[in-house]
Each structure stands twice: as C-alpha cells, then as structure tokens.
Amino acid sequence: MESLFLVFAALFGAVVGSFLNVVILRLPSKDCSIVFPGSHCPKCGYVLRWYDNIPLLSYIALAGKCRQCRQSISLQYPLVELTMALSAALLMHVFGLSFEFFFYFIFVAALLVIIFIDIHHQIIPDVISLPGILLGFAGSFFNAQVTWQQSALGILFGGGILYAVAYGYYLFTKREGMGGGDIKFLAMIGAFLGVQSLLFVVFFSSLTGSIIGIAAMLSQKKGGQTRIPFGPFLAVAAGVFLFLQEPIFKLWQAYLGISGLQ
C-alpha cells in the first residue's frame, strides 16, 4: 500500500510540476495570466496538444524539441517536473497521507518556483512570499512538526536576520547587496519550518552562495560587481532542512558534545 501511495504522489507531483513551469514562465510578466492562454511553444506559438503536455514522457517522446518548429525545449521543463515528482514521493515517505504532506507539498512547490524565477529575473515575487508567510503561520496550528510559537519566531527572526545583514552591508559598502525579496522569503521559510531551522538555513545558504559567488567572480572577472541571486540558495537550504532535519540536529548535538558546549 505504501508503494502505491508513493507512485500516486510522484504522479501528482509531476502533474503539478508541469503547471509550475507555466507559473515560472508567466508570473514575472504583468501582462500574462497563468491560466490563459493554454500551453504553447514560447518560440513559435504552437498550441500544445494534450499528448504534447504529458509530464516527462512528452519531453522524452519529442526528443526535447517542439513538434512544430523543432526548436529545443528548455531542460528546465522536465527538471521541474522530475524534481516535484521526487519531492512529492519523498514527502509521502516521510509524512504519509497527512496534513503535513499537503502543507509541505505547497511549500516545496513555492521553493521550486522561487528558485527559477530568481535565477531568470533576480526577483522573488511578493505574491508568493507574503501569502506564504501567512499560510506557514496558519498551518502551524495544525502541523505536528512546528508549533505556532516556533512559526511566529521564525517569521520574526527570519525577516529580522536578513534585514540586519542587508542594512549592515549597505552601511559598510553604500550599496544594496540583498533585496527585500530575500528578507521576506526567509520570513516565509521561518513560518513553515520554525525558528529552529534558521541557523542551518542561513549557514548552509551562505556557504553554498559564497562558493558559487567566488566561482562566478573568477569566471566573470567583475570582482565585487558580480551579482548572483541569493534566493535559490535559501530555497535549497530550506529543502535540505525539511528532509534532513533529524540528522542535522544529531550532527549539531554531536558537535556540541565534542566541543564541550553541551
């Protein structure tokens, strides 16, 4: 029975992932609706038939090319569908068919959309993060993983930490180094995962962001003018914590024991 639930969860995730591709493409544009018109090739306008829009399978069947113009279809499309399918199956494995499954399914979907929109446009839409803060806090009253107190503190400290970092960077350099979108996004992460997640999320995202940032500086040769979006690193860190928080806390406890701080 568990295997059947995992399969259905993966299929559900893949279908939602297909819709998320539409959201990623259209949400940043004020002139586009995420509902109308129907899915079509962004290069030639060919309206996709139902058999062209089957998650993952259609991409494979079409060899990654539009049926009409034969231009390459971005690898982002099957990547989002596959990631959402695997995430849904993993959520089902961890939480079973429960409130937490659907609650964190929405959260993971939001993370995925934010990753790609921030990569392409260097923005984190308020239409995702602000309702996400409210939804994360409201859900904490029914969530066995996070109490409402932890969620409230997550919002307060999540937004406060990045605001302090951004303000300090501006005072030191007279340049804006972090947008308000990142601040609201971390508050949303705190709402869903609780205040206990923030230390890891900030540390892990800063570490991975620094590594990629240094590599980008060396390759682009722009020095301190190099700009990379921070949202994807926050999102990945949040996803890692969501699925691996138990071993993360065990490692933390082991570190405190070894260092004599416990």
Protein backbone atom coordinates (compact mmCIF):
# COMPACT_ATOMS: atom_id res chain seq x y z
CA MET A 1 0.00 0.00 0.00
CA GLU A 2 2.84 2.39 0.81
CA SER A 3 4.39 1.79 -2.62
CA LEU A 4 1.07 2.65 -4.26
CA PHE A 5 0.88 5.91 -2.31
CA LEU A 6 4.45 6.75 -3.36
CA VAL A 7 3.61 6.18 -7.03
CA PHE A 8 0.46 8.31 -6.86
CA ALA A 9 2.37 11.03 -5.00
CA ALA A 10 5.07 11.06 -7.68
CA LEU A 11 2.47 11.26 -10.47
CA PHE A 12 0.67 14.06 -8.64
CA GLY A 13 3.97 15.88 -8.18
CA ALA A 14 4.86 15.56 -11.86
CA VAL A 15 1.49 16.98 -12.94
CA VAL A 16 1.83 19.90 -10.52
CA GLY A 17 5.41 20.37 -11.74
CA SER A 18 4.09 20.81 -15.27
CA PHE A 19 1.82 23.61 -14.01
CA LEU A 20 4.71 25.16 -12.07
CA ASN A 21 6.60 25.55 -15.34
CA VAL A 22 3.76 27.77 -16.55
CA VAL A 23 3.89 29.77 -13.30
CA ILE A 24 7.66 30.23 -13.59
CA LEU A 25 7.34 31.44 -17.17
CA ARG A 26 4.34 33.76 -16.78
CA LEU A 27 4.22 35.02 -13.19
CA PRO A 28 7.02 37.62 -13.58
CA SER A 29 5.16 39.19 -16.51
CA LYS A 30 2.36 41.59 -15.60
CA ASP A 31 0.72 41.02 -18.99
CA CYS A 32 0.39 37.23 -18.75
CA SER A 33 -2.12 35.01 -16.99
CA ILE A 34 -1.01 31.70 -15.55
CA VAL A 35 -4.28 30.18 -16.79
CA PHE A 36 -4.86 31.65 -20.26
CA PRO A 37 -3.88 31.08 -22.99
CA GLY A 38 -3.17 27.36 -22.93
CA SER A 39 0.31 25.89 -23.02
CA HIS A 40 2.18 26.71 -26.20
CA CYS A 41 5.69 26.78 -27.61
CA PRO A 42 7.33 30.05 -26.49
CA LYS A 43 9.28 30.21 -29.76
CA CYS A 44 6.73 29.51 -32.50
CA GLY A 45 3.44 29.75 -30.59
CA TYR A 46 2.36 26.19 -31.43
CA VAL A 47 -0.51 25.26 -29.12
CA LEU A 48 0.39 22.04 -27.32
CA ARG A 49 -2.00 19.11 -27.64
CA TRP A 50 -2.73 17.01 -24.59
CA TYR A 51 -0.28 14.34 -25.76
CA ASP A 52 2.45 17.01 -26.02
CA ASN A 53 1.91 18.03 -22.44
CA ILE A 54 2.32 14.76 -20.52
CA PRO A 55 4.90 15.41 -17.77
CA LEU A 56 8.34 13.97 -18.58
CA LEU A 57 7.04 11.48 -21.15
CA SER A 58 6.22 14.10 -23.80
CA TYR A 59 9.69 15.63 -23.47
CA ILE A 60 11.26 12.22 -24.00
CA ALA A 61 8.93 11.32 -26.88
CA LEU A 62 9.65 14.62 -28.64
CA ALA A 63 13.40 14.28 -28.01
CA GLY A 64 13.35 17.64 -26.27
CA LYS A 65 12.11 19.55 -29.33
CA CYS A 66 8.91 21.36 -30.31
CA ARG A 67 6.69 19.24 -32.58
CA GLN A 68 6.09 22.23 -34.89
CA CYS A 69 9.29 24.27 -35.17
CA ARG A 70 11.73 21.60 -33.89
CA GLN A 71 13.48 24.14 -31.69
CA SER A 72 14.94 22.80 -28.47
CA ILE A 73 12.72 22.78 -25.39
CA SER A 74 14.46 24.04 -22.28
CA LEU A 75 15.72 21.29 -19.97
CA GLN A 76 14.11 23.30 -17.17
CA TYR A 77 10.69 21.82 -18.01
CA PRO A 78 11.45 18.14 -17.33
CA LEU A 79 13.78 19.14 -14.48
CA VAL A 80 10.98 20.93 -12.62
CA GLU A 81 8.57 18.06 -13.25
CA LEU A 82 11.06 15.44 -12.10
CA THR A 83 12.07 17.43 -9.02
CA MET A 84 8.45 17.90 -7.99
CA ALA A 85 7.70 14.21 -8.59
CA LEU A 86 10.64 13.07 -6.45
CA SER A 87 9.85 15.65 -3.76
CA ALA A 88 6.23 14.51 -3.56
CA ALA A 89 7.27 10.87 -3.25
CA LEU A 90 9.77 11.78 -0.53
CA LEU A 91 7.16 13.83 1.33
CA MET A 92 4.78 10.88 1.18
CA HIS A 93 7.51 8.59 2.52
CA VAL A 94 8.30 10.95 5.41
CA PHE A 95 4.84 12.18 6.38
CA GLY A 96 2.41 9.71 4.84
CA LEU A 97 -1.01 10.84 3.67
CA SER A 98 -1.41 13.62 6.23
CA PHE A 99 -1.86 17.34 6.65
CA GLU A 100 1.93 17.71 6.71
CA PHE A 101 2.21 16.11 3.27
CA PHE A 102 -0.04 18.67 1.60
CA PHE A 103 1.29 21.54 3.72
CA TYR A 104 4.91 20.91 2.77
CA PHE A 105 3.97 19.96 -0.79
CA ILE A 106 2.80 23.56 -1.23
CA PHE A 107 5.98 24.77 0.42
CA VAL A 108 8.26 22.76 -1.88
CA ALA A 109 6.30 23.93 -4.92
CA ALA A 110 6.83 27.55 -3.81
CA LEU A 111 10.55 26.91 -3.30
CA LEU A 112 10.88 25.50 -6.80
CA VAL A 113 9.09 28.43 -8.42
CA ILE A 114 11.19 30.93 -6.47
CA ILE A 115 14.44 29.21 -7.47
CA PHE A 116 13.84 29.55 -11.19
CA ILE A 117 12.18 32.97 -11.16
CA ASP A 118 15.06 34.38 -9.10
CA ILE A 119 17.61 32.79 -11.42
CA HIS A 120 15.96 34.25 -14.52
CA HIS A 121 14.77 37.62 -13.22
CA GLN A 122 16.59 38.27 -9.91
CA ILE A 123 13.29 38.80 -8.12
CA ILE A 124 11.28 36.89 -5.52
CA PRO A 125 7.63 37.75 -6.16
CA ASP A 126 5.73 39.11 -3.15
CA VAL A 127 2.69 37.22 -4.44
CA ILE A 128 4.47 34.04 -3.30
CA SER A 129 6.39 35.07 -0.18
CA LEU A 130 3.79 37.25 1.56
CA PRO A 131 0.88 34.77 1.31
CA GLY A 132 3.46 32.10 2.12
CA ILE A 133 4.21 33.78 5.45
CA LEU A 134 0.52 33.81 6.35
CA LEU A 135 -0.04 30.25 5.15
CA GLY A 136 3.01 28.95 7.03
CA PHE A 137 1.86 30.56 10.26
CA ALA A 138 -1.78 29.47 9.87
CA GLY A 139 -0.69 25.92 9.09
CA SER A 140 1.46 25.76 12.23
CA PHE A 141 -1.74 25.39 14.30
CA PHE A 142 -2.34 22.02 12.59
CA ASN A 143 1.27 20.99 11.91
CA ALA A 144 2.80 18.38 14.21
CA GLN A 145 6.29 19.41 13.10
CA VAL A 146 6.22 23.09 14.10
CA THR A 147 4.32 24.91 16.85
CA TRP A 148 2.72 28.28 16.27
CA GLN A 149 5.26 29.84 18.64
CA GLN A 150 8.15 28.43 16.60
CA SER A 151 6.50 29.65 13.40
CA ALA A 152 5.93 33.15 14.80
CA LEU A 153 9.53 33.39 15.98
CA GLY A 154 10.65 32.04 12.60
CA ILE A 155 8.86 34.91 10.87
CA LEU A 156 10.22 37.49 13.30
CA PHE A 157 13.81 36.33 13.31
CA GLY A 158 13.80 35.15 9.68
CA GLY A 159 12.93 38.60 8.41
CA GLY A 160 15.00 40.31 11.09
CA ILE A 161 18.23 38.41 10.45
CA LEU A 162 18.44 39.19 6.75
CA TYR A 163 17.25 42.75 7.29
CA ALA A 164 20.11 43.28 9.75
CA VAL A 165 22.61 41.72 7.31
CA ALA A 166 21.32 43.80 4.40
CA TYR A 167 21.34 47.03 6.42
CA GLY A 168 24.83 46.34 7.75
CA TYR A 169 26.12 45.64 4.22
CA TYR A 170 24.60 48.90 2.98
CA LEU A 171 26.19 50.89 5.82
CA PHE A 172 29.57 49.34 5.10
CA THR A 173 29.58 49.49 1.28
CA LYS A 174 26.87 52.08 0.46
CA ARG A 175 25.47 49.51 -1.95
CA GLU A 176 22.43 47.30 -1.73
CA GLY A 177 23.64 43.73 -1.50
CA MET A 178 20.39 41.95 -0.65
CA GLY A 179 16.90 42.74 -1.81
CA GLY A 180 13.75 42.91 0.25
CA GLY A 181 12.55 39.77 -1.51
CA ASP A 182 15.21 37.67 0.22
CA ILE A 183 14.16 39.10 3.60
CA LYS A 184 10.50 38.24 3.08
CA PHE A 185 11.46 34.84 1.69
CA LEU A 186 13.45 33.90 4.80
CA ALA A 187 10.50 35.01 6.92
CA MET A 188 8.34 32.62 4.87
CA ILE A 189 10.85 29.81 5.42
CA GLY A 190 10.76 30.55 9.16
CA ALA A 191 6.96 30.39 9.10
CA PHE A 192 6.94 26.91 7.53
CA LEU A 193 9.97 25.37 9.23
CA GLY A 194 10.09 27.28 12.51
CA VAL A 195 12.78 29.34 14.18
CA GLN A 196 14.84 26.17 14.77
CA SER A 197 15.57 25.97 11.03
CA LEU A 198 17.07 29.43 10.61
CA LEU A 199 20.60 28.80 11.87
CA PHE A 200 21.09 25.95 9.41
CA VAL A 201 19.31 27.70 6.53
CA VAL A 202 21.37 30.89 6.89
CA PHE A 203 24.65 28.97 7.36
CA PHE A 204 24.10 26.50 4.51
CA SER A 205 22.83 29.11 2.05
CA SER A 206 25.67 31.49 2.91
CA LEU A 207 28.26 28.74 2.50
CA THR A 208 26.96 27.48 -0.84
CA GLY A 209 26.27 31.04 -2.04
CA SER A 210 29.84 32.08 -1.18
CA ILE A 211 31.32 29.13 -3.07
CA ILE A 212 29.25 29.81 -6.18
CA GLY A 213 29.79 33.56 -5.82
CA ILE A 214 33.59 33.20 -5.73
CA ALA A 215 33.46 30.90 -8.75
CA ALA A 216 31.29 33.47 -10.60
CA MET A 217 33.67 36.29 -9.69
CA LEU A 218 36.62 34.35 -11.07
CA SER A 219 34.84 33.37 -14.28
CA GLN A 220 33.13 36.71 -14.98
CA LYS A 221 36.08 38.83 -13.84
CA LYS A 222 33.78 41.52 -12.42
CA GLY A 223 35.12 41.42 -8.88
CA GLY A 224 32.76 42.89 -6.30
CA GLN A 225 30.30 43.88 -9.03
CA THR A 226 29.35 40.24 -9.61
CA ARG A 227 25.71 39.67 -8.72
CA ILE A 228 24.07 36.30 -8.18
CA PRO A 229 20.58 35.73 -6.79
CA PHE A 230 20.53 34.53 -3.18
CA GLY A 231 17.00 33.15 -3.25
CA PRO A 232 17.94 29.79 -4.82
CA PHE A 233 20.49 29.14 -2.07
CA LEU A 234 17.90 29.90 0.62
CA ALA A 235 15.41 27.62 -1.12
CA VAL A 236 17.85 24.71 -1.42
CA ALA A 237 18.88 25.12 2.23
CA ALA A 238 15.22 25.09 3.28
CA GLY A 239 14.60 21.93 1.26
CA VAL A 240 17.64 20.21 2.77
CA PHE A 241 16.47 21.08 6.28
CA LEU A 242 12.91 19.91 5.57
CA PHE A 243 14.03 16.43 4.58
CA LEU A 244 17.17 16.04 6.71
CA GLN A 245 16.40 17.94 9.90
CA GLU A 246 16.73 14.87 12.12
CA PRO A 247 20.32 14.03 11.07
CA ILE A 248 21.13 17.76 11.07
CA PHE A 249 20.08 18.06 14.71
CA LYS A 250 22.00 14.88 15.56
CA LEU A 251 25.16 16.30 14.00
CA TRP A 252 24.62 19.54 15.90
CA GLN A 253 24.24 17.68 19.17
CA ALA A 254 27.38 15.65 18.41
CA TYR A 255 29.29 18.85 17.67
CA LEU A 256 28.17 20.42 20.94
CA GLY A 257 29.19 17.27 22.80
CA ILE A 258 32.64 17.16 21.21
CA SER A 259 33.25 20.87 21.77
CA GLY A 260 32.11 20.65 25.40
CA LEU A 261 29.36 23.23 24.87
CA GLN A 262 26.51 20.87 25.73
